[in-house]
Amino acid sequence: MTTIAEHPTLADVAREAGISPSTASRALRGDAAVRAATKRRVHEAARRLGYEPNRLARSLRTRSSSFVGVIVPDIAIGFYARAVKGAQDVLERAGYQVLVMNTERQGRREAEAVRTLLAHRVDGVLLATSGGIEGSDRVPVVFFDNLLPGFGVGNVARANRDGMAILVSHLAEHGHERIGFVGAPPVLTSGLERLEGFHASVASADLTVRPEYVRLGDQAWSPASGERAMRELLDLDEPPTAIVTASDTLAFGAIEAIRARSRRIPDDIALVSFDDPLFGDLLDPPVTALARNERELGELAASLLLHALQTGARAAPAEVRLPVELIVRRSCGCR
């Protein structure tokens, strides 16, 4: 993992190499008049310091544009696309341009994205981390969705545990005692807190968490992952009578697996989702889920970053949780 640090400057490189900034600049440009030994010394100093040429030097000299970076695990997932849209609207109204980087949930690509954004001299970063970052220093960072408590200038996420309590309680009110869970590995905030919330909520309902009823797919949170997990649950000698999925993408996969076994929702098995699937009200049956608020999440994360940029505040990072609300439809058994 890497740490977001202050931008090294050309002057820092020159000082490290023991030469003037103008000579360092010519060495980095490959000027033939600069001796090969000097070029080597300058490039070695640049590598040691992590210096990257400023690709936006012209705009920064004129201050015609300011930039904020946004890093997400998978922009193809609607959750992140809508969060980015909310953040972009807030930032652009404040005069910032937005540079979006996609990491495919790979820590290595996340670290590369950070380096690229720093090379472009972004003023701050909004980051839904996949585990490639361990902290932050001079560049203001707001973590959203997946958090690093105690780091950055802010952490914003949904109320994951509260959401699980709402979903499990609703199924328990329908009389379900065998409630299963389709989730993701408990590595980052969303996967961990939703799994913990499920366990705590089942216990609060005076039900027993059966280990075989908890199935965790891959870190991609994909429909294919949800389908595999749901098939495993349906293969049990005594499968659950109700399912909680930790996301809309996992819900899509679970629904596909249930239909492939000629089971009916909710008659044979009830289903609820933490995220409201896109067009969830148009599915057959419509899916009971927690209302979407990812756009609001992006707006709030951007607002926290703007506050830090405008005030220079570097106080202990605030942690904000967005409340959740249940949308009752028919997949849970309600009519």
C-alpha atoms as a PDB file:
ATOM      1  CA  MET A   1       0.000   0.000   0.000  1.00  0.00           C
ATOM      2  CA  THR A   2       1.041   3.604  -0.432  1.00  0.00           C
ATOM      3  CA  THR A   3       0.554   6.910   1.347  1.00  0.00           C
ATOM      4  CA  ILE A   4      -0.696  10.115  -0.234  1.00  0.00           C
ATOM      5  CA  ALA A   5       2.050  12.657   0.407  1.00  0.00           C
ATOM      6  CA  GLU A   6       3.008  16.228  -0.400  1.00  0.00           C
ATOM      7  CA  HIS A   7       4.026  16.922  -4.017  1.00  0.00           C
ATOM      8  CA  PRO A   8       7.825  16.980  -4.492  1.00  0.00           C
ATOM      9  CA  THR A   9       8.815  19.953  -6.629  1.00  0.00           C
ATOM     10  CA  LEU A  10      11.503  20.507  -9.250  1.00  0.00           C
ATOM     11  CA  ALA A  11      13.360  22.585  -6.670  1.00  0.00           C
ATOM     12  CA  ASP A  12      13.363  19.574  -4.316  1.00  0.00           C
ATOM     13  CA  VAL A  13      14.873  17.409  -7.062  1.00  0.00           C
ATOM     14  CA  ALA A  14      17.524  20.013  -7.845  1.00  0.00           C
ATOM     15  CA  ARG A  15      18.428  20.306  -4.161  1.00  0.00           C
ATOM     16  CA  GLU A  16      18.652  16.523  -3.829  1.00  0.00           C
ATOM     17  CA  ALA A  17      20.911  16.300  -6.889  1.00  0.00           C
ATOM     18  CA  GLY A  18      23.038  19.273  -5.825  1.00  0.00           C
ATOM     19  CA  ILE A  19      22.423  21.353  -8.952  1.00  0.00           C
ATOM     20  CA  SER A  20      20.368  24.365  -9.992  1.00  0.00           C
ATOM     21  CA  PRO A  21      16.625  24.028 -10.817  1.00  0.00           C
ATOM     22  CA  SER A  22      17.269  25.142 -14.404  1.00  0.00           C
ATOM     23  CA  THR A  23      19.874  22.400 -14.905  1.00  0.00           C
ATOM     24  CA  ALA A  24      17.550  19.841 -13.302  1.00  0.00           C
ATOM     25  CA  SER A  25      14.769  20.915 -15.658  1.00  0.00           C
ATOM     26  CA  ARG A  26      17.013  20.566 -18.712  1.00  0.00           C
ATOM     27  CA  ALA A  27      18.250  17.164 -17.482  1.00  0.00           C
ATOM     28  CA  LEU A  28      14.712  15.854 -17.078  1.00  0.00           C
ATOM     29  CA  ARG A  29      13.870  17.112 -20.589  1.00  0.00           C
ATOM     30  CA  GLY A  30      16.854  15.214 -21.992  1.00  0.00           C
ATOM     31  CA  ASP A  31      18.756  18.325 -23.109  1.00  0.00           C
ATOM     32  CA  ALA A  32      21.846  17.190 -25.034  1.00  0.00           C
ATOM     33  CA  ALA A  33      23.924  19.952 -23.448  1.00  0.00           C
ATOM     34  CA  VAL A  34      23.584  18.319 -20.006  1.00  0.00           C
ATOM     35  CA  ARG A  35      26.214  15.674 -19.204  1.00  0.00           C
ATOM     36  CA  ALA A  36      25.050  12.055 -18.960  1.00  0.00           C
ATOM     37  CA  ALA A  37      26.304  11.735 -15.380  1.00  0.00           C
ATOM     38  CA  THR A  38      24.270  14.793 -14.355  1.00  0.00           C
ATOM     39  CA  LYS A  39      21.166  13.396 -16.043  1.00  0.00           C
ATOM     40  CA  ARG A  40      21.575  10.119 -14.158  1.00  0.00           C
ATOM     41  CA  ARG A  41      21.980  11.968 -10.868  1.00  0.00           C
ATOM     42  CA  VAL A  42      18.844  14.049 -11.512  1.00  0.00           C
ATOM     43  CA  HIS A  43      16.713  11.059 -12.544  1.00  0.00           C
ATOM     44  CA  GLU A  44      17.863   9.108  -9.489  1.00  0.00           C
ATOM     45  CA  ALA A  45      16.945  12.053  -7.249  1.00  0.00           C
ATOM     46  CA  ALA A  46      13.528  12.303  -8.921  1.00  0.00           C
ATOM     47  CA  ARG A  47      12.865   8.593  -8.325  1.00  0.00           C
ATOM     48  CA  ARG A  48      13.915   8.795  -4.686  1.00  0.00           C
ATOM     49  CA  LEU A  49      11.596  11.727  -4.046  1.00  0.00           C
ATOM     50  CA  GLY A  50       8.714  10.376  -6.112  1.00  0.00           C
ATOM     51  CA  TYR A  51       8.778  13.447  -8.337  1.00  0.00           C
ATOM     52  CA  GLU A  52       6.423  13.509 -11.319  1.00  0.00           C
ATOM     53  CA  PRO A  53       6.489  16.262 -13.977  1.00  0.00           C
ATOM     54  CA  ASN A  54       3.542  18.600 -13.672  1.00  0.00           C
ATOM     55  CA  ARG A  55       1.381  17.833 -16.693  1.00  0.00           C
ATOM     56  CA  LEU A  56      -0.941  20.673 -15.800  1.00  0.00           C
ATOM     57  CA  ALA A  57       1.739  23.289 -15.234  1.00  0.00           C
ATOM     58  CA  ARG A  58       0.288  25.765 -17.644  1.00  0.00           C
ATOM     59  CA  SER A  59      -3.175  25.764 -16.114  1.00  0.00           C
ATOM     60  CA  LEU A  60      -1.726  25.991 -12.634  1.00  0.00           C
ATOM     61  CA  ARG A  61       0.492  28.946 -13.583  1.00  0.00           C
ATOM     62  CA  THR A  62      -2.528  30.819 -14.838  1.00  0.00           C
ATOM     63  CA  ARG A  63      -4.830  29.327 -12.145  1.00  0.00           C
ATOM     64  CA  SER A  64      -7.386  28.891 -14.929  1.00  0.00           C
ATOM     65  CA  SER A  65      -8.385  25.465 -13.585  1.00  0.00           C
ATOM     66  CA  SER A  66      -8.313  23.570 -10.312  1.00  0.00           C
ATOM     67  CA  PHE A  67      -8.653  19.817 -10.162  1.00  0.00           C
ATOM     68  CA  VAL A  68      -9.998  17.207  -7.764  1.00  0.00           C
ATOM     69  CA  GLY A  69      -9.419  13.494  -8.250  1.00  0.00           C
ATOM     70  CA  VAL A  70     -12.052  10.815  -7.653  1.00  0.00           C
ATOM     71  CA  ILE A  71     -10.979   7.175  -7.350  1.00  0.00           C
ATOM     72  CA  VAL A  72     -13.559   4.354  -7.412  1.00  0.00           C
ATOM     73  CA  PRO A  73     -13.289   0.545  -7.520  1.00  0.00           C
ATOM     74  CA  ASP A  74     -15.647   0.017 -10.471  1.00  0.00           C
ATOM     75  CA  ILE A  75     -17.268   2.894 -12.343  1.00  0.00           C
ATOM     76  CA  ALA A  76     -19.482   0.392 -14.219  1.00  0.00           C
ATOM     77  CA  ILE A  77     -21.406  -0.293 -11.006  1.00  0.00           C
ATOM     78  CA  GLY A  78     -24.335   2.082 -10.702  1.00  0.00           C
ATOM     79  CA  PHE A  79     -23.610   2.859  -7.048  1.00  0.00           C
ATOM     80  CA  TYR A  80     -20.249   4.437  -7.849  1.00  0.00           C
ATOM     81  CA  ALA A  81     -21.431   6.115 -11.041  1.00  0.00           C
ATOM     82  CA  ARG A  82     -24.213   7.901  -9.168  1.00  0.00           C
ATOM     83  CA  ALA A  83     -21.919   8.823  -6.261  1.00  0.00           C
ATOM     84  CA  VAL A  84     -19.414  10.328  -8.705  1.00  0.00           C
ATOM     85  CA  LYS A  85     -22.194  12.284 -10.416  1.00  0.00           C
ATOM     86  CA  GLY A  86     -23.296  13.766  -7.094  1.00  0.00           C
ATOM     87  CA  ALA A  87     -19.720  14.705  -6.186  1.00  0.00           C
ATOM     88  CA  GLN A  88     -19.046  16.159  -9.629  1.00  0.00           C
ATOM     89  CA  ASP A  89     -22.053  18.467  -9.470  1.00  0.00           C
ATOM     90  CA  VAL A  90     -20.913  19.895  -6.125  1.00  0.00           C
ATOM     91  CA  LEU A  91     -17.277  20.288  -7.170  1.00  0.00           C
ATOM     92  CA  GLU A  92     -17.990  21.865 -10.548  1.00  0.00           C
ATOM     93  CA  ARG A  93     -20.288  24.430  -8.962  1.00  0.00           C
ATOM     94  CA  ALA A  94     -17.319  25.383  -6.791  1.00  0.00           C
ATOM     95  CA  GLY A  95     -15.081  25.826  -9.846  1.00  0.00           C
ATOM     96  CA  TYR A  96     -13.220  22.500  -9.790  1.00  0.00           C
ATOM     97  CA  GLN A  97     -12.679  20.071 -12.661  1.00  0.00           C
ATOM     98  CA  VAL A  98     -13.017  16.365 -11.813  1.00  0.00           C
ATOM     99  CA  LEU A  99     -10.585  13.632 -12.849  1.00  0.00           C
ATOM    100  CA  VAL A 100     -12.042  10.134 -12.348  1.00  0.00           C
ATOM    101  CA  MET A 101      -9.865   7.032 -11.979  1.00  0.00           C
ATOM    102  CA  ASN A 102     -11.123   3.439 -12.011  1.00  0.00           C
ATOM    103  CA  THR A 103      -9.145   0.736 -10.147  1.00  0.00           C
ATOM    104  CA  GLU A 104     -11.006  -2.526 -10.870  1.00  0.00           C
ATOM    105  CA  ARG A 105     -10.765  -3.158  -7.101  1.00  0.00           C
ATOM    106  CA  GLN A 106      -6.998  -3.690  -7.331  1.00  0.00           C
ATOM    107  CA  GLY A 107      -4.734  -2.156  -4.716  1.00  0.00           C
ATOM    108  CA  ARG A 108      -1.906  -1.806  -7.236  1.00  0.00           C
ATOM    109  CA  ARG A 109      -4.087   0.148  -9.649  1.00  0.00           C
ATOM    110  CA  GLU A 110      -5.340   2.318  -6.805  1.00  0.00           C
ATOM    111  CA  ALA A 111      -1.779   3.255  -5.873  1.00  0.00           C
ATOM    112  CA  GLU A 112      -1.062   4.025  -9.536  1.00  0.00           C
ATOM    113  CA  ALA A 113      -4.195   6.165  -9.721  1.00  0.00           C
ATOM    114  CA  VAL A 114      -3.025   8.177  -6.731  1.00  0.00           C
ATOM    115  CA  ARG A 115       0.370   8.753  -8.328  1.00  0.00           C
ATOM    116  CA  THR A 116      -1.264   9.828 -11.588  1.00  0.00           C
ATOM    117  CA  LEU A 117      -3.544  12.306  -9.827  1.00  0.00           C
ATOM    118  CA  LEU A 118      -0.654  13.748  -7.843  1.00  0.00           C
ATOM    119  CA  ALA A 119       1.293  14.144 -11.081  1.00  0.00           C
ATOM    120  CA  HIS A 120      -1.640  16.198 -12.343  1.00  0.00           C
ATOM    121  CA  ARG A 121      -1.420  18.348  -9.189  1.00  0.00           C
ATOM    122  CA  VAL A 122      -4.943  17.727  -7.947  1.00  0.00           C
ATOM    123  CA  ASP A 123      -5.959  19.863  -5.003  1.00  0.00           C
ATOM    124  CA  GLY A 124      -7.719  16.992  -3.217  1.00  0.00           C
ATOM    125  CA  VAL A 125      -8.994  13.438  -3.609  1.00  0.00           C
ATOM    126  CA  LEU A 126     -12.278  11.614  -3.050  1.00  0.00           C
ATOM    127  CA  LEU A 127     -11.447   7.936  -2.568  1.00  0.00           C
ATOM    128  CA  ALA A 128     -13.563   4.786  -2.351  1.00  0.00           C
ATOM    129  CA  THR A 129     -10.591   2.637  -1.436  1.00  0.00           C
ATOM    130  CA  SER A 130      -9.983  -0.964  -2.425  1.00  0.00           C
ATOM    131  CA  GLY A 131      -7.145  -1.316   0.054  1.00  0.00           C
ATOM    132  CA  GLY A 132      -4.321   0.285  -1.910  1.00  0.00           C
ATOM    133  CA  ILE A 133      -3.991   3.295   0.418  1.00  0.00           C
ATOM    134  CA  GLU A 134      -3.013   3.274   4.064  1.00  0.00           C
ATOM    135  CA  GLY A 135      -3.161   6.940   4.949  1.00  0.00           C
ATOM    136  CA  SER A 136      -2.875  10.524   3.800  1.00  0.00           C
ATOM    137  CA  ASP A 137      -0.622  13.467   4.499  1.00  0.00           C
ATOM    138  CA  ARG A 138      -0.736  16.938   2.949  1.00  0.00           C
ATOM    139  CA  VAL A 139      -3.281  16.359   0.181  1.00  0.00           C
ATOM    140  CA  PRO A 140      -6.836  16.583   1.572  1.00  0.00           C
ATOM    141  CA  VAL A 141      -8.597  13.226   1.152  1.00  0.00           C
ATOM    142  CA  VAL A 142     -12.167  12.221   1.893  1.00  0.00           C
ATOM    143  CA  PHE A 143     -12.845   8.488   2.009  1.00  0.00           C
ATOM    144  CA  PHE A 144     -16.321   7.358   1.005  1.00  0.00           C
ATOM    145  CA  ASP A 145     -18.148   4.017   1.000  1.00  0.00           C
ATOM    146  CA  ASN A 146     -15.044   2.109   2.121  1.00  0.00           C
ATOM    147  CA  LEU A 147     -13.452   4.042   4.951  1.00  0.00           C
ATOM    148  CA  LEU A 148     -10.136   4.500   6.740  1.00  0.00           C
ATOM    149  CA  PRO A 149     -11.207   5.778  10.164  1.00  0.00           C
ATOM    150  CA  GLY A 150      -8.778   8.310  11.571  1.00  0.00           C
ATOM    151  CA  PHE A 151      -7.282   9.203   8.188  1.00  0.00           C
ATOM    152  CA  GLY A 152      -7.991  11.957   5.693  1.00  0.00           C
ATOM    153  CA  VAL A 153     -10.214  14.938   6.363  1.00  0.00           C
ATOM    154  CA  GLY A 154     -13.471  12.984   6.326  1.00  0.00           C
ATOM    155  CA  ASN A 155     -15.117   9.564   6.065  1.00  0.00           C
ATOM    156  CA  VAL A 156     -18.597   9.136   4.594  1.00  0.00           C
ATOM    157  CA  ALA A 157     -20.602   5.911   4.356  1.00  0.00           C
ATOM    158  CA  ARG A 158     -24.109   4.564   4.610  1.00  0.00           C
ATOM    159  CA  ALA A 159     -25.407   3.266   7.946  1.00  0.00           C
ATOM    160  CA  ASN A 160     -24.528  -0.324   7.075  1.00  0.00           C
ATOM    161  CA  ARG A 161     -25.301  -1.985  10.398  1.00  0.00           C
ATOM    162  CA  ASP A 162     -28.564  -0.056  10.841  1.00  0.00           C
ATOM    163  CA  GLY A 163     -29.603  -1.078   7.331  1.00  0.00           C
ATOM    164  CA  MET A 164     -29.057  -4.743   8.090  1.00  0.00           C
ATOM    165  CA  ALA A 165     -31.108  -4.416  11.285  1.00  0.00           C
ATOM    166  CA  ILE A 166     -34.023  -2.999   9.284  1.00  0.00           C
ATOM    167  CA  LEU A 167     -33.907  -5.761   6.681  1.00  0.00           C
ATOM    168  CA  VAL A 168     -33.562  -8.659   9.125  1.00  0.00           C
ATOM    169  CA  SER A 169     -36.264  -7.279  11.423  1.00  0.00           C
ATOM    170  CA  HIS A 170     -38.656  -6.966   8.494  1.00  0.00           C
ATOM    171  CA  LEU A 171     -38.158 -10.604   7.505  1.00  0.00           C
ATOM    172  CA  ALA A 172     -38.519 -11.709  11.117  1.00  0.00           C
ATOM    173  CA  GLU A 173     -41.843  -9.866  11.284  1.00  0.00           C
ATOM    174  CA  HIS A 174     -42.978 -12.083   8.411  1.00  0.00           C
ATOM    175  CA  GLY A 175     -42.262 -15.081  10.635  1.00  0.00           C
ATOM    176  CA  HIS A 176     -39.017 -16.206   9.012  1.00  0.00           C
ATOM    177  CA  GLU A 177     -36.613 -18.047  11.293  1.00  0.00           C
ATOM    178  CA  ARG A 178     -34.226 -19.454   8.673  1.00  0.00           C
ATOM    179  CA  ILE A 179     -32.715 -16.274   7.201  1.00  0.00           C
ATOM    180  CA  GLY A 180     -29.707 -16.493   4.881  1.00  0.00           C
ATOM    181  CA  PHE A 181     -27.161 -13.889   3.867  1.00  0.00           C
ATOM    182  CA  VAL A 182     -25.472 -13.314   0.509  1.00  0.00           C
ATOM    183  CA  GLY A 183     -22.597 -10.882   0.951  1.00  0.00           C
ATOM    184  CA  ALA A 184     -19.011 -10.053   0.029  1.00  0.00           C
ATOM    185  CA  PRO A 185     -15.744 -10.783   1.865  1.00  0.00           C
ATOM    186  CA  PRO A 186     -15.440  -8.775   5.118  1.00  0.00           C
ATOM    187  CA  VAL A 187     -12.322  -6.978   3.957  1.00  0.00           C
ATOM    188  CA  LEU A 188     -13.469  -3.370   3.580  1.00  0.00           C
ATOM    189  CA  THR A 189     -16.164  -1.268   5.234  1.00  0.00           C
ATOM    190  CA  SER A 190     -19.252  -2.299   3.274  1.00  0.00           C
ATOM    191  CA  GLY A 191     -18.555  -6.030   3.320  1.00  0.00           C
ATOM    192  CA  LEU A 192     -17.454  -6.096   6.944  1.00  0.00           C
ATOM    193  CA  GLU A 193     -20.165  -3.898   8.467  1.00  0.00           C
ATOM    194  CA  ARG A 194     -23.024  -5.515   6.583  1.00  0.00           C
ATOM    195  CA  LEU A 195     -21.875  -8.978   7.652  1.00  0.00           C
ATOM    196  CA  GLU A 196     -21.480  -7.832  11.261  1.00  0.00           C
ATOM    197  CA  GLY A 197     -24.857  -6.123  11.071  1.00  0.00           C
ATOM    198  CA  PHE A 198     -26.501  -9.305   9.816  1.00  0.00           C
ATOM    199  CA  HIS A 199     -25.093 -11.395  12.667  1.00  0.00           C
ATOM    200  CA  ALA A 200     -26.059  -8.821  15.291  1.00  0.00           C
ATOM    201  CA  SER A 201     -29.559  -8.352  13.866  1.00  0.00           C
ATOM    202  CA  VAL A 202     -30.328 -12.073  13.734  1.00  0.00           C
ATOM    203  CA  ALA A 203     -29.210 -12.393  17.348  1.00  0.00           C
ATOM    204  CA  SER A 204     -31.379  -9.410  18.325  1.00  0.00           C
ATOM    205  CA  ALA A 205     -34.377 -11.139  16.755  1.00  0.00           C
ATOM    206  CA  ASP A 206     -33.731 -14.157  19.040  1.00  0.00           C
ATOM    207  CA  LEU A 207     -32.809 -16.245  16.028  1.00  0.00           C
ATOM    208  CA  THR A 208     -29.741 -18.433  15.562  1.00  0.00           C
ATOM    209  CA  VAL A 209     -27.170 -17.596  12.912  1.00  0.00           C
ATOM    210  CA  ARG A 210     -26.481 -20.874  11.166  1.00  0.00           C
ATOM    211  CA  PRO A 211     -22.976 -20.698   9.642  1.00  0.00           C
ATOM    212  CA  GLU A 212     -24.108 -22.524   6.510  1.00  0.00           C
ATOM    213  CA  TYR A 213     -26.645 -19.760   5.873  1.00  0.00           C
ATOM    214  CA  VAL A 214     -23.910 -17.130   5.432  1.00  0.00           C
ATOM    215  CA  ARG A 215     -22.367 -17.138   1.963  1.00  0.00           C
ATOM    216  CA  LEU A 216     -19.733 -14.625   0.913  1.00  0.00           C
ATOM    217  CA  GLY A 217     -18.960 -14.171  -2.756  1.00  0.00           C
ATOM    218  CA  ASP A 218     -15.959 -12.503  -4.338  1.00  0.00           C
ATOM    219  CA  GLN A 219     -14.808  -8.954  -3.777  1.00  0.00           C
ATOM    220  CA  ALA A 220     -16.355  -7.824  -7.064  1.00  0.00           C
ATOM    221  CA  TRP A 221     -19.879  -7.854  -5.597  1.00  0.00           C
ATOM    222  CA  SER A 222     -21.002  -9.107  -9.012  1.00  0.00           C
ATOM    223  CA  PRO A 223     -24.268 -10.782 -10.093  1.00  0.00           C
ATOM    224  CA  ALA A 224     -22.237 -13.920 -10.891  1.00  0.00           C
ATOM    225  CA  SER A 225     -20.944 -13.920  -7.320  1.00  0.00           C
ATOM    226  CA  GLY A 226     -24.485 -13.586  -5.956  1.00  0.00           C
ATOM    227  CA  GLU A 227     -25.719 -16.379  -8.199  1.00  0.00           C
ATOM    228  CA  ARG A 228     -23.017 -18.791  -7.016  1.00  0.00           C
ATOM    229  CA  ALA A 229     -23.687 -17.992  -3.363  1.00  0.00           C
ATOM    230  CA  MET A 230     -27.439 -18.426  -3.797  1.00  0.00           C
ATOM    231  CA  ARG A 231     -27.011 -21.783  -5.534  1.00  0.00           C
ATOM    232  CA  GLU A 232     -24.982 -22.982  -2.562  1.00  0.00           C
ATOM    233  CA  LEU A 233     -27.778 -21.953  -0.202  1.00  0.00           C
ATOM    234  CA  LEU A 234     -30.417 -23.695  -2.307  1.00  0.00           C
ATOM    235  CA  ASP A 235     -28.329 -26.893  -2.310  1.00  0.00           C
ATOM    236  CA  LEU A 236     -28.567 -27.207   1.476  1.00  0.00           C
ATOM    237  CA  ASP A 237     -30.726 -29.998   2.895  1.00  0.00           C
ATOM    238  CA  GLU A 238     -32.725 -27.322   4.718  1.00  0.00           C
ATOM    239  CA  PRO A 239     -32.297 -24.077   2.761  1.00  0.00           C
ATOM    240  CA  PRO A 240     -33.259 -20.713   4.252  1.00  0.00           C
ATOM    241  CA  THR A 241     -36.775 -19.407   3.730  1.00  0.00           C
ATOM    242  CA  ALA A 242     -35.600 -15.803   3.330  1.00  0.00           C
ATOM    243  CA  ILE A 243     -32.489 -14.099   1.963  1.00  0.00           C
ATOM    244  CA  VAL A 244     -30.786 -10.783   2.677  1.00  0.00           C
ATOM    245  CA  THR A 245     -28.419  -9.644  -0.071  1.00  0.00           C
ATOM    246  CA  ALA A 246     -25.730  -7.089   0.721  1.00  0.00           C
ATOM    247  CA  SER A 247     -26.089  -5.208  -2.589  1.00  0.00           C
ATOM    248  CA  ASP A 248     -28.300  -4.854  -5.633  1.00  0.00           C
ATOM    249  CA  THR A 249     -25.773  -6.623  -7.869  1.00  0.00           C
ATOM    250  CA  LEU A 250     -25.715  -9.618  -5.524  1.00  0.00           C
ATOM    251  CA  ALA A 251     -29.528  -9.518  -5.471  1.00  0.00           C
ATOM    252  CA  PHE A 252     -29.679  -9.813  -9.266  1.00  0.00           C
ATOM    253  CA  GLY A 253     -27.530 -12.945  -9.127  1.00  0.00           C
ATOM    254  CA  ALA A 254     -29.540 -14.437  -6.275  1.00  0.00           C
ATOM    255  CA  ILE A 255     -32.804 -13.856  -8.141  1.00  0.00           C
ATOM    256  CA  GLU A 256     -31.382 -15.575 -11.230  1.00  0.00           C
ATOM    257  CA  ALA A 257     -30.337 -18.613  -9.177  1.00  0.00           C
ATOM    258  CA  ILE A 258     -33.765 -18.855  -7.520  1.00  0.00           C
ATOM    259  CA  ARG A 259     -35.545 -18.684 -10.869  1.00  0.00           C
ATOM    260  CA  ALA A 260     -33.199 -21.283 -12.384  1.00  0.00           C
ATOM    261  CA  ARG A 261     -34.337 -23.723  -9.672  1.00  0.00           C
ATOM    262  CA  SER A 262     -37.986 -22.963 -10.493  1.00  0.00           C
ATOM    263  CA  ARG A 263     -38.486 -21.415  -7.065  1.00  0.00           C
ATOM    264  CA  ARG A 264     -40.863 -18.497  -6.630  1.00  0.00           C
ATOM    265  CA  ILE A 265     -40.212 -15.212  -4.839  1.00  0.00           C
ATOM    266  CA  PRO A 266     -41.641 -14.688  -2.217  1.00  0.00           C
ATOM    267  CA  ASP A 267     -43.820 -17.831  -2.087  1.00  0.00           C
ATOM    268  CA  ASP A 268     -40.906 -20.271  -1.831  1.00  0.00           C
ATOM    269  CA  ILE A 269     -38.218 -17.891  -0.628  1.00  0.00           C
ATOM    270  CA  ALA A 270     -38.406 -14.217   0.380  1.00  0.00           C
ATOM    271  CA  LEU A 271     -35.695 -11.786  -0.653  1.00  0.00           C
ATOM    272  CA  VAL A 272     -34.631  -8.277   0.396  1.00  0.00           C
ATOM    273  CA  SER A 273     -31.683  -6.185  -0.762  1.00  0.00           C
ATOM    274  CA  PHE A 274     -29.499  -3.637   0.996  1.00  0.00           C
ATOM    275  CA  ASP A 275     -29.325  -1.550  -2.199  1.00  0.00           C
ATOM    276  CA  ASP A 276     -32.426  -0.821  -4.214  1.00  0.00           C
ATOM    277  CA  PRO A 277     -31.844  -2.388  -7.663  1.00  0.00           C
ATOM    278  CA  LEU A 278     -32.204  -0.097 -10.634  1.00  0.00           C
ATOM    279  CA  PHE A 279     -35.807  -0.530 -11.790  1.00  0.00           C
ATOM    280  CA  GLY A 280     -36.362  -2.631  -8.669  1.00  0.00           C
ATOM    281  CA  ASP A 281     -39.997  -1.550  -8.675  1.00  0.00           C
ATOM    282  CA  LEU A 282     -40.420  -2.997 -12.182  1.00  0.00           C
ATOM    283  CA  LEU A 283     -39.026  -6.467 -11.460  1.00  0.00           C
ATOM    284  CA  ASP A 284     -41.384  -9.391 -10.944  1.00  0.00           C
ATOM    285  CA  PRO A 285     -41.880  -9.348  -8.063  1.00  0.00           C
ATOM    286  CA  PRO A 286     -40.741  -5.803  -7.168  1.00  0.00           C
ATOM    287  CA  VAL A 287     -37.817  -5.942  -4.735  1.00  0.00           C
ATOM    288  CA  THR A 288     -38.006  -4.770  -1.123  1.00  0.00           C
ATOM    289  CA  ALA A 289     -34.824  -2.790  -0.489  1.00  0.00           C
ATOM    290  CA  LEU A 290     -33.211   0.182   1.199  1.00  0.00           C
ATOM    291  CA  ALA A 291     -33.703   3.425  -0.724  1.00  0.00           C
ATOM    292  CA  ARG A 292     -30.860   4.718  -2.861  1.00  0.00           C
ATOM    293  CA  ASN A 293     -28.823   7.616  -1.484  1.00  0.00           C
ATOM    294  CA  GLU A 294     -25.481   7.202  -3.228  1.00  0.00           C
ATOM    295  CA  ARG A 295     -25.845  10.542  -5.022  1.00  0.00           C
ATOM    296  CA  GLU A 296     -26.328  12.188  -1.631  1.00  0.00           C
ATOM    297  CA  LEU A 297     -23.266  10.293  -0.395  1.00  0.00           C
ATOM    298  CA  GLY A 298     -21.174  11.744  -3.238  1.00  0.00           C
ATOM    299  CA  GLU A 299     -22.500  15.243  -2.595  1.00  0.00           C
ATOM    300  CA  LEU A 300     -21.668  15.016   1.102  1.00  0.00           C
ATOM    301  CA  ALA A 301     -18.163  13.653   0.473  1.00  0.00           C
ATOM    302  CA  ALA A 302     -17.481  16.483  -1.974  1.00  0.00           C
ATOM    303  CA  SER A 303     -18.792  19.068   0.490  1.00  0.00           C
ATOM    304  CA  LEU A 304     -16.422  17.807   3.200  1.00  0.00           C
ATOM    305  CA  LEU A 305     -13.502  18.025   0.779  1.00  0.00           C
ATOM    306  CA  LEU A 306     -14.474  21.549  -0.290  1.00  0.00           C
ATOM    307  CA  HIS A 307     -14.610  22.637   3.343  1.00  0.00           C
ATOM    308  CA  ALA A 308     -11.065  21.376   3.873  1.00  0.00           C
ATOM    309  CA  LEU A 309      -9.822  23.031   0.667  1.00  0.00           C
ATOM    310  CA  GLN A 310     -11.461  26.360   1.421  1.00  0.00           C
ATOM    311  CA  THR A 311     -10.557  26.576   5.112  1.00  0.00           C
ATOM    312  CA  GLY A 312      -7.301  24.629   5.235  1.00  0.00           C
ATOM    313  CA  ALA A 313      -8.792  22.693   8.150  1.00  0.00           C
ATOM    314  CA  ARG A 314      -6.844  19.603   9.165  1.00  0.00           C
ATOM    315  CA  ALA A 315      -8.749  18.636  12.312  1.00  0.00           C
ATOM    316  CA  ALA A 316      -9.553  15.048  13.271  1.00  0.00           C
ATOM    317  CA  PRO A 317     -11.505  13.568  10.342  1.00  0.00           C
ATOM    318  CA  ALA A 318     -15.262  13.604  10.659  1.00  0.00           C
ATOM    319  CA  GLU A 319     -17.145  10.335  10.151  1.00  0.00           C
ATOM    320  CA  VAL A 320     -20.619  10.780   8.697  1.00  0.00           C
ATOM    321  CA  ARG A 321     -23.218   8.048   8.247  1.00  0.00           C
ATOM    322  CA  LEU A 322     -26.124   8.463   5.870  1.00  0.00           C
ATOM    323  CA  PRO A 323     -29.398   7.119   7.327  1.00  0.00           C
ATOM    324  CA  VAL A 324     -31.247   4.392   5.434  1.00  0.00           C
ATOM    325  CA  GLU A 325     -34.937   3.897   4.678  1.00  0.00           C
ATOM    326  CA  LEU A 326     -36.833   0.739   3.769  1.00  0.00           C
ATOM    327  CA  ILE A 327     -38.892   0.604   0.578  1.00  0.00           C
ATOM    328  CA  VAL A 328     -41.455  -2.167   1.014  1.00  0.00           C
ATOM    329  CA  ARG A 329     -42.488  -4.064  -2.106  1.00  0.00           C
ATOM    330  CA  ARG A 330     -43.542  -7.661  -2.767  1.00  0.00           C
ATOM    331  CA  SER A 331     -40.323  -9.727  -2.761  1.00  0.00           C
ATOM    332  CA  CYS A 332     -40.418  -9.926   1.049  1.00  0.00           C
ATOM    333  CA  GLY A 333     -43.969 -11.252   1.158  1.00  0.00           C
ATOM    334  CA  CYS A 334     -45.803  -7.978   1.640  1.00  0.00           C
ATOM    335  CA  ARG A 335     -48.852  -7.565  -0.593  1.00  0.00           C
END
